[in-house]
Amino acid sequence: MKFSIKALAMGCGFTNAFAFLVLGLTAAFLGWGNELVELASKLYLGYGVDPIGLVVGVLWAFVDGFLLGALFATVYNKFL
C-alpha cells in the first residue's frame, strides 16, 4: 500500500508547525522551554517567542515538515 505523498507531506507539515507554535506559546506565556526555543532559533532563522518570531518559526516548521514528509513518502513508495 503506497503513501499519498501530498497527504503525508501536508500532515507532517501541519503537525510540525503546530508543535513549534505550542512550544513558542508555552515559552512566551509560561516560561517553559526557553532553552529549546533558543536552540530551534539557530535552525529556523527568526524563530522566537515574540509574535513575529512565532509566525516565522511556524512557517519554517511547516516547510521543513512538509519537505521531510514528502521525502519520506517518496522513498517509502520507491522501496515498496
Protein backbone atom coordinates (compact mmCIF):
# COMPACT_ATOMS: atom_id res chain seq x y z
CA MET A 1 0.00 0.00 0.00
CA LYS A 2 1.54 3.27 -1.12
CA PHE A 3 1.51 6.53 0.80
CA SER A 4 -0.12 9.59 -0.68
CA ILE A 5 2.85 11.93 -0.94
CA LYS A 6 0.73 15.08 -0.77
CA ALA A 7 -1.32 13.88 2.22
CA LEU A 8 1.68 12.74 4.24
CA ALA A 9 3.61 15.92 3.42
CA MET A 10 0.70 18.14 4.49
CA GLY A 11 0.14 16.10 7.66
CA CYS A 12 3.79 16.28 8.65
CA GLY A 13 3.93 19.98 7.84
CA PHE A 14 0.88 20.86 9.93
CA THR A 15 1.98 18.63 12.82
CA ASN A 16 5.45 20.15 12.92
CA ALA A 17 4.07 23.69 12.64
CA PHE A 18 1.58 23.06 15.46
CA ALA A 19 4.31 21.63 17.68
CA PHE A 20 6.50 24.69 17.20
CA LEU A 21 3.54 27.00 17.78
CA VAL A 22 2.78 25.28 21.08
CA LEU A 23 6.46 25.37 22.05
CA GLY A 24 6.68 29.09 21.34
CA LEU A 25 3.46 29.89 23.18
CA THR A 26 4.42 27.90 26.28
CA ALA A 27 7.83 29.58 26.30
CA ALA A 28 6.25 33.02 25.93
CA PHE A 29 3.45 32.70 28.48
CA LEU A 30 4.62 30.02 30.92
CA GLY A 31 8.40 30.30 30.64
CA TRP A 32 8.77 26.60 29.81
CA GLY A 33 11.13 25.53 27.04
CA ASN A 34 13.07 28.75 26.57
CA GLU A 35 16.30 26.79 26.01
CA LEU A 36 14.61 24.68 23.34
CA VAL A 37 13.31 27.81 21.60
CA GLU A 38 16.84 29.25 21.62
CA LEU A 39 18.18 26.02 20.13
CA ALA A 40 15.45 25.90 17.47
CA SER A 41 16.07 29.54 16.55
CA LYS A 42 19.51 28.51 15.34
CA LEU A 43 17.86 26.16 12.84
CA TYR A 44 14.80 28.28 11.99
CA LEU A 45 16.13 31.80 11.48
CA GLY A 46 13.83 34.39 13.00
CA TYR A 47 12.02 31.98 15.34
CA GLY A 48 11.35 33.40 18.78
CA VAL A 49 8.70 33.98 21.41
CA ASP A 50 7.55 37.37 20.05
CA PRO A 51 4.52 37.38 17.67
CA ILE A 52 6.58 37.90 14.50
CA GLY A 53 9.06 35.23 15.61
CA LEU A 54 6.24 32.75 16.19
CA VAL A 55 4.84 33.30 12.71
CA VAL A 56 8.28 32.96 11.11
CA GLY A 57 9.06 29.83 13.11
CA VAL A 58 5.72 28.21 12.33
CA LEU A 59 6.24 28.85 8.63
CA TRP A 60 9.76 27.40 8.75
CA ALA A 61 8.47 24.38 10.69
CA PHE A 62 5.68 23.79 8.18
CA VAL A 63 8.06 23.90 5.21
CA ASP A 64 10.53 21.63 6.99
CA GLY A 65 7.85 19.10 7.97
CA PHE A 66 6.29 19.23 4.51
CA LEU A 67 9.57 18.54 2.73
CA LEU A 68 10.60 15.76 5.09
CA GLY A 69 7.16 14.15 4.88
CA ALA A 70 7.25 14.27 1.08
CA LEU A 71 10.78 12.85 1.05
CA PHE A 72 9.81 10.03 3.40
CA ALA A 73 6.71 9.12 1.35
CA THR A 74 8.68 9.19 -1.89
CA VAL A 75 11.44 6.95 -0.57
CA TYR A 76 8.93 4.60 1.05
CA ASN A 77 6.95 4.28 -2.17
CA LYS A 78 10.11 3.60 -4.19
CA PHE A 79 11.17 0.75 -1.91
CA LEU A 80 7.68 -0.73 -1.65
